[in-house]
Amino acid sequence: MEQIILAGHLLIALAIIGLIMLQQGKGADIGASFGAGGSQTLFGSEGSGSVLTKATAWLAVLFFATSFGLALLANQKAVVEDDLGLVIPAAASAAAAQAAEELPMLDDTPEAITAPAGDDLPQLD
């Protein structure tokens, strides 16, 4: 299913690129090159921009829909694993516990911090 959506996503992206390349700027009139008096009379009174613009808009909607679908599929496949399957030997865990006991600890209770009258910085007892 993911491969089908991904292939459709790629085809839609290429179609959007092609449609954007086909569209012309506001200053370029197709009808003027064929000798027509009015601008954009080759494709009718609305011009060619309307058809290409609508097709581009619909392809953009489909592109966002396939992007959302691919994001949902990727989210379902992503599984959080707490256990990596690693075996920690007992000696290593005992050494880590012993190292934690040897670390110096600060007493961070409010009574241990005092501020002298003449100094702005608090002092540890």
N, C-alpha and C. Protein backbone atom coordinates (compact mmCIF):
# COMPACT_ATOMS: atom_id res chain seq x y z
N MET A 1 0.83 -1.20 0.00
CA MET A 1 0.00 0.00 0.00
C MET A 1 0.87 1.26 0.00
N GLU A 2 1.93 1.20 0.80
CA GLU A 2 2.82 2.36 0.89
C GLU A 2 3.51 2.62 -0.46
N GLN A 3 3.88 1.57 -1.15
CA GLN A 3 4.56 1.73 -2.43
C GLN A 3 3.63 2.35 -3.48
N ILE A 4 2.35 2.00 -3.43
CA ILE A 4 1.38 2.57 -4.37
C ILE A 4 1.20 4.06 -4.11
N ILE A 5 1.05 4.42 -2.84
CA ILE A 5 0.90 5.84 -2.50
C ILE A 5 2.16 6.61 -2.85
N LEU A 6 3.32 6.01 -2.61
CA LEU A 6 4.58 6.68 -2.93
C LEU A 6 4.73 6.89 -4.44
N ALA A 7 4.35 5.91 -5.23
CA ALA A 7 4.42 6.06 -6.69
C ALA A 7 3.45 7.13 -7.16
N GLY A 8 2.23 7.14 -6.62
CA GLY A 8 1.27 8.19 -6.96
C GLY A 8 1.76 9.57 -6.55
N HIS A 9 2.39 9.64 -5.40
CA HIS A 9 2.95 10.89 -4.88
C HIS A 9 4.00 11.44 -5.85
N LEU A 10 4.85 10.55 -6.34
CA LEU A 10 5.90 10.95 -7.28
C LEU A 10 5.29 11.42 -8.60
N LEU A 11 4.30 10.69 -9.11
CA LEU A 11 3.67 11.08 -10.37
C LEU A 11 2.93 12.41 -10.25
N ILE A 12 2.28 12.63 -9.12
CA ILE A 12 1.58 13.89 -8.90
C ILE A 12 2.58 15.04 -8.83
N ALA A 13 3.71 14.81 -8.16
CA ALA A 13 4.73 15.85 -8.06
C ALA A 13 5.27 16.21 -9.44
N LEU A 14 5.52 15.21 -10.28
CA LEU A 14 6.00 15.48 -11.63
C LEU A 14 4.94 16.19 -12.47
N ALA A 15 3.68 15.83 -12.29
CA ALA A 15 2.59 16.49 -13.02
C ALA A 15 2.46 17.95 -12.60
N ILE A 16 2.62 18.23 -11.30
CA ILE A 16 2.56 19.62 -10.83
C ILE A 16 3.70 20.43 -11.45
N ILE A 17 4.88 19.86 -11.49
CA ILE A 17 6.02 20.55 -12.08
C ILE A 17 5.75 20.84 -13.56
N GLY A 18 5.21 19.85 -14.28
CA GLY A 18 4.90 20.05 -15.69
C GLY A 18 3.85 21.11 -15.92
N LEU A 19 2.79 21.11 -15.11
CA LEU A 19 1.73 22.12 -15.27
C LEU A 19 2.23 23.52 -14.96
N ILE A 20 3.07 23.64 -13.96
CA ILE A 20 3.61 24.95 -13.62
C ILE A 20 4.51 25.46 -14.75
N MET A 21 5.27 24.56 -15.35
CA MET A 21 6.13 24.96 -16.47
C MET A 21 5.31 25.36 -17.70
N LEU A 22 4.14 24.79 -17.88
CA LEU A 22 3.29 25.13 -19.02
C LEU A 22 2.61 26.48 -18.87
N GLN A 23 2.40 26.90 -17.64
CA GLN A 23 1.68 28.15 -17.42
C GLN A 23 2.57 29.33 -17.78
N GLN A 24 1.94 30.36 -18.29
CA GLN A 24 2.67 31.55 -18.69
C GLN A 24 2.32 32.69 -17.76
N GLY A 25 3.17 33.68 -17.77
CA GLY A 25 2.95 34.84 -16.92
C GLY A 25 1.80 35.69 -17.43
N LYS A 26 1.43 36.68 -16.65
CA LYS A 26 0.31 37.54 -17.01
C LYS A 26 0.59 38.38 -18.25
N GLY A 27 1.84 38.70 -18.50
CA GLY A 27 2.18 39.54 -19.64
C GLY A 27 2.21 38.80 -20.96
N ALA A 28 2.32 37.49 -20.94
CA ALA A 28 2.41 36.72 -22.17
C ALA A 28 1.02 36.31 -22.62
N ASP A 29 0.57 36.86 -23.74
CA ASP A 29 -0.76 36.55 -24.26
C ASP A 29 -0.63 35.55 -25.40
N ILE A 30 -1.30 34.42 -25.30
CA ILE A 30 -1.23 33.40 -26.34
C ILE A 30 -1.92 33.89 -27.61
N GLY A 31 -3.05 34.52 -27.46
CA GLY A 31 -3.81 34.97 -28.63
C GLY A 31 -3.08 36.03 -29.43
N ALA A 32 -2.26 36.82 -28.78
CA ALA A 32 -1.56 37.88 -29.48
C ALA A 32 -0.57 37.33 -30.49
N SER A 33 -0.02 36.17 -30.27
CA SER A 33 0.95 35.60 -31.21
C SER A 33 0.28 35.09 -32.48
N PHE A 34 -1.02 34.85 -32.45
CA PHE A 34 -1.74 34.38 -33.63
C PHE A 34 -2.49 35.51 -34.33
N GLY A 35 -2.25 36.73 -33.94
CA GLY A 35 -2.86 37.87 -34.61
C GLY A 35 -4.22 38.25 -34.07
N ALA A 36 -4.64 37.72 -32.95
CA ALA A 36 -5.95 38.05 -32.39
C ALA A 36 -5.90 39.44 -31.77
N GLY A 37 -7.00 40.12 -31.83
CA GLY A 37 -7.04 41.48 -31.30
C GLY A 37 -7.06 41.51 -29.79
N GLY A 38 -7.83 40.63 -29.17
CA GLY A 38 -7.92 40.60 -27.71
C GLY A 38 -6.89 39.65 -27.13
N SER A 39 -6.63 39.82 -25.88
CA SER A 39 -5.64 38.94 -25.24
C SER A 39 -6.30 37.63 -24.83
N GLN A 40 -5.58 36.56 -24.99
CA GLN A 40 -5.97 35.22 -24.57
C GLN A 40 -7.29 34.78 -25.21
N THR A 41 -7.48 35.07 -26.48
CA THR A 41 -8.71 34.65 -27.15
C THR A 41 -8.58 33.27 -27.76
N LEU A 42 -7.40 32.68 -27.74
CA LEU A 42 -7.22 31.37 -28.32
C LEU A 42 -8.00 30.31 -27.55
N PHE A 43 -8.03 30.44 -26.22
CA PHE A 43 -8.73 29.47 -25.38
C PHE A 43 -10.07 30.00 -24.90
N GLY A 44 -10.59 31.01 -25.50
CA GLY A 44 -11.86 31.58 -25.08
C GLY A 44 -11.64 32.86 -24.30
N SER A 45 -12.71 33.39 -23.75
CA SER A 45 -12.61 34.67 -23.05
C SER A 45 -11.88 34.56 -21.71
N GLU A 46 -11.90 33.36 -21.12
CA GLU A 46 -11.22 33.20 -19.84
C GLU A 46 -9.74 32.95 -20.01
N GLY A 47 -9.32 32.48 -21.15
CA GLY A 47 -7.91 32.23 -21.38
C GLY A 47 -7.51 30.85 -20.93
N SER A 48 -6.25 30.49 -21.14
CA SER A 48 -5.77 29.15 -20.79
C SER A 48 -5.40 29.03 -19.32
N GLY A 49 -5.21 30.15 -18.66
CA GLY A 49 -4.79 30.12 -17.27
C GLY A 49 -5.80 29.46 -16.36
N SER A 50 -7.06 29.58 -16.69
CA SER A 50 -8.10 29.03 -15.83
C SER A 50 -8.02 27.51 -15.76
N VAL A 51 -7.87 26.86 -16.92
CA VAL A 51 -7.83 25.39 -16.94
C VAL A 51 -6.56 24.89 -16.26
N LEU A 52 -5.44 25.50 -16.61
CA LEU A 52 -4.17 25.05 -16.02
C LEU A 52 -4.11 25.36 -14.52
N THR A 53 -4.67 26.49 -14.12
CA THR A 53 -4.67 26.85 -12.70
C THR A 53 -5.52 25.90 -11.89
N LYS A 54 -6.69 25.54 -12.42
CA LYS A 54 -7.56 24.60 -11.71
C LYS A 54 -6.92 23.21 -11.61
N ALA A 55 -6.28 22.78 -12.70
CA ALA A 55 -5.62 21.47 -12.67
C ALA A 55 -4.47 21.47 -11.68
N THR A 56 -3.73 22.56 -11.63
CA THR A 56 -2.63 22.66 -10.67
C THR A 56 -3.15 22.65 -9.24
N ALA A 57 -4.25 23.33 -9.01
CA ALA A 57 -4.84 23.36 -7.66
C ALA A 57 -5.29 21.97 -7.23
N TRP A 58 -5.96 21.24 -8.14
CA TRP A 58 -6.41 19.88 -7.79
C TRP A 58 -5.23 18.95 -7.55
N LEU A 59 -4.19 19.08 -8.36
CA LEU A 59 -3.00 18.24 -8.15
C LEU A 59 -2.30 18.59 -6.83
N ALA A 60 -2.33 19.87 -6.46
CA ALA A 60 -1.74 20.26 -5.18
C ALA A 60 -2.52 19.65 -4.02
N VAL A 61 -3.85 19.62 -4.14
CA VAL A 61 -4.67 18.99 -3.09
C VAL A 61 -4.35 17.49 -2.99
N LEU A 62 -4.23 16.83 -4.14
CA LEU A 62 -3.87 15.41 -4.14
C LEU A 62 -2.47 15.19 -3.57
N PHE A 63 -1.55 16.10 -3.87
CA PHE A 63 -0.19 15.98 -3.35
C PHE A 63 -0.18 16.07 -1.83
N PHE A 64 -0.93 17.02 -1.28
CA PHE A 64 -0.99 17.13 0.19
C PHE A 64 -1.69 15.93 0.81
N ALA A 65 -2.69 15.38 0.13
CA ALA A 65 -3.38 14.19 0.65
C ALA A 65 -2.44 12.98 0.67
N THR A 66 -1.67 12.81 -0.39
CA THR A 66 -0.72 11.68 -0.39
C THR A 66 0.39 11.90 0.62
N SER A 67 0.80 13.16 0.81
CA SER A 67 1.81 13.45 1.83
C SER A 67 1.29 13.09 3.22
N PHE A 68 0.04 13.44 3.48
CA PHE A 68 -0.57 13.12 4.77
C PHE A 68 -0.70 11.61 4.95
N GLY A 69 -1.10 10.92 3.88
CA GLY A 69 -1.21 9.45 3.95
C GLY A 69 0.14 8.79 4.21
N LEU A 70 1.19 9.28 3.55
CA LEU A 70 2.52 8.72 3.79
C LEU A 70 3.00 9.00 5.21
N ALA A 71 2.65 10.18 5.74
CA ALA A 71 3.03 10.50 7.12
C ALA A 71 2.32 9.58 8.11
N LEU A 72 1.05 9.29 7.86
CA LEU A 72 0.32 8.37 8.74
C LEU A 72 0.91 6.96 8.70
N LEU A 73 1.25 6.51 7.50
CA LEU A 73 1.86 5.18 7.38
C LEU A 73 3.21 5.11 8.07
N ALA A 74 4.00 6.17 7.95
CA ALA A 74 5.30 6.21 8.61
C ALA A 74 5.15 6.25 10.13
N ASN A 75 4.11 6.93 10.60
CA ASN A 75 3.88 7.01 12.04
C ASN A 75 3.45 5.66 12.60
N GLN A 76 2.69 4.89 11.84
CA GLN A 76 2.26 3.58 12.30
C GLN A 76 3.43 2.60 12.36
N LYS A 77 4.39 2.77 11.44
CA LYS A 77 5.53 1.87 11.42
C LYS A 77 6.54 2.19 12.52
N ALA A 78 6.57 3.44 12.96
CA ALA A 78 7.52 3.85 13.98
C ALA A 78 7.05 3.34 15.34
N VAL A 79 7.80 2.42 15.91
CA VAL A 79 7.45 1.84 17.19
C VAL A 79 8.53 2.22 18.19
N VAL A 80 8.11 2.73 19.32
CA VAL A 80 9.06 3.08 20.36
C VAL A 80 9.47 1.81 21.08
N GLU A 81 10.76 1.58 21.13
CA GLU A 81 11.26 0.39 21.81
C GLU A 81 12.14 0.84 22.96
N ASP A 82 11.69 0.54 24.17
CA ASP A 82 12.49 0.86 25.34
C ASP A 82 13.59 -0.17 25.53
N ASP A 83 13.29 -1.39 25.21
CA ASP A 83 14.25 -2.47 25.41
C ASP A 83 14.97 -2.73 24.09
N LEU A 84 16.26 -2.49 24.06
CA LEU A 84 17.03 -2.71 22.85
C LEU A 84 17.58 -4.12 22.77
N GLY A 85 17.31 -4.92 23.76
CA GLY A 85 17.79 -6.30 23.77
C GLY A 85 19.24 -6.43 24.21
N LEU A 86 19.75 -5.40 24.86
CA LEU A 86 21.14 -5.45 25.34
C LEU A 86 21.18 -6.05 26.74
N VAL A 87 22.16 -6.91 26.96
CA VAL A 87 22.33 -7.52 28.26
C VAL A 87 23.42 -6.76 29.01
N ILE A 88 23.06 -6.21 30.17
CA ILE A 88 24.03 -5.49 30.98
C ILE A 88 24.53 -6.43 32.06
N PRO A 89 25.83 -6.70 32.07
CA PRO A 89 26.36 -7.62 33.09
C PRO A 89 26.20 -7.04 34.50
N ALA A 90 26.12 -7.92 35.45
CA ALA A 90 25.93 -7.49 36.85
C ALA A 90 27.13 -6.70 37.34
N ALA A 91 28.33 -7.01 36.87
CA ALA A 91 29.52 -6.29 37.31
C ALA A 91 29.47 -4.84 36.86
N ALA A 92 28.96 -4.59 35.68
CA ALA A 92 28.88 -3.23 35.17
C ALA A 92 27.86 -2.41 35.95
N SER A 93 26.73 -3.02 36.28
CA SER A 93 25.72 -2.28 37.04
C SER A 93 26.20 -2.03 38.47
N ALA A 94 26.96 -2.98 39.05
CA ALA A 94 27.49 -2.77 40.39
C ALA A 94 28.54 -1.67 40.38
N ALA A 95 29.36 -1.61 39.34
CA ALA A 95 30.37 -0.55 39.25
C ALA A 95 29.71 0.81 39.08
N ALA A 96 28.61 0.88 38.34
CA ALA A 96 27.90 2.14 38.17
C ALA A 96 27.28 2.59 39.49
N ALA A 97 26.76 1.67 40.27
CA ALA A 97 26.18 2.02 41.57
C ALA A 97 27.26 2.51 42.52
N GLN A 98 28.44 1.86 42.49
CA GLN A 98 29.53 2.27 43.37
C GLN A 98 30.04 3.65 42.97
N ALA A 99 30.12 3.94 41.67
CA ALA A 99 30.58 5.25 41.22
C ALA A 99 29.59 6.34 41.62
N ALA A 100 28.30 6.01 41.64
CA ALA A 100 27.30 6.98 42.05
C ALA A 100 27.40 7.29 43.53
N GLU A 101 27.81 6.31 44.35
CA GLU A 101 27.96 6.54 45.78
C GLU A 101 29.16 7.41 46.09
N GLU A 102 30.19 7.37 45.25
CA GLU A 102 31.41 8.13 45.49
C GLU A 102 31.30 9.59 45.05
N LEU A 103 30.27 9.96 44.31
CA LEU A 103 30.14 11.33 43.84
C LEU A 103 29.79 12.25 45.00
N PRO A 104 30.38 13.44 45.02
CA PRO A 104 30.03 14.39 46.10
C PRO A 104 28.62 14.92 45.88
N MET A 105 27.91 15.10 46.96
CA MET A 105 26.54 15.59 46.90
C MET A 105 26.46 16.93 47.60
N LEU A 106 25.71 17.87 47.04
CA LEU A 106 25.49 19.17 47.65
C LEU A 106 24.20 19.12 48.45
N ASP A 107 24.22 19.79 49.55
CA ASP A 107 23.00 19.91 50.34
C ASP A 107 22.27 21.15 49.83
N ASP A 108 21.21 20.94 49.10
CA ASP A 108 20.52 22.08 48.49
C ASP A 108 19.22 22.43 49.21
N THR A 109 19.18 22.18 50.48
CA THR A 109 18.01 22.58 51.26
C THR A 109 18.06 24.09 51.49
N PRO A 110 16.91 24.74 51.71
CA PRO A 110 16.91 26.21 51.90
C PRO A 110 17.71 26.66 53.12
N GLU A 111 17.84 25.82 54.15
CA GLU A 111 18.58 26.22 55.34
C GLU A 111 20.08 26.30 55.07
N ALA A 112 20.57 25.56 54.09
CA ALA A 112 22.00 25.54 53.81
C ALA A 112 22.45 26.78 53.06
N ILE A 113 21.53 27.51 52.45
CA ILE A 113 21.89 28.70 51.69
C ILE A 113 21.58 29.92 52.54
N THR A 114 22.60 30.69 52.81
CA THR A 114 22.41 31.91 53.60
C THR A 114 22.98 33.09 52.83
N ALA A 115 22.40 34.22 53.00
CA ALA A 115 22.86 35.44 52.34
C ALA A 115 23.40 36.38 53.40
N PRO A 116 24.70 36.67 53.34
CA PRO A 116 25.25 37.62 54.31
C PRO A 116 24.70 39.04 54.04
N ALA A 117 24.75 39.88 55.04
CA ALA A 117 24.13 41.20 54.97
C ALA A 117 24.86 42.09 53.97
N GLY A 118 26.20 42.02 53.87
CA GLY A 118 26.94 42.94 53.02
C GLY A 118 27.17 42.44 51.60
N ASP A 119 26.86 41.19 51.30
CA ASP A 119 27.16 40.62 49.99
C ASP A 119 25.86 40.27 49.27
N ASP A 120 25.84 40.46 47.99
CA ASP A 120 24.64 40.17 47.21
C ASP A 120 24.52 38.70 46.86
N LEU A 121 25.61 37.95 46.85
CA LEU A 121 25.57 36.56 46.46
C LEU A 121 25.33 35.65 47.67
N PRO A 122 24.47 34.67 47.54
CA PRO A 122 24.27 33.72 48.66
C PRO A 122 25.49 32.82 48.81
N GLN A 123 25.72 32.37 50.01
CA GLN A 123 26.85 31.49 50.32
C GLN A 123 26.35 30.14 50.77
N LEU A 124 27.06 29.09 50.39
CA LEU A 124 26.74 27.75 50.84
C LEU A 124 27.47 27.47 52.14
N ASP A 125 26.78 26.83 53.09
CA ASP A 125 27.44 26.48 54.36
C ASP A 125 28.30 25.27 54.20
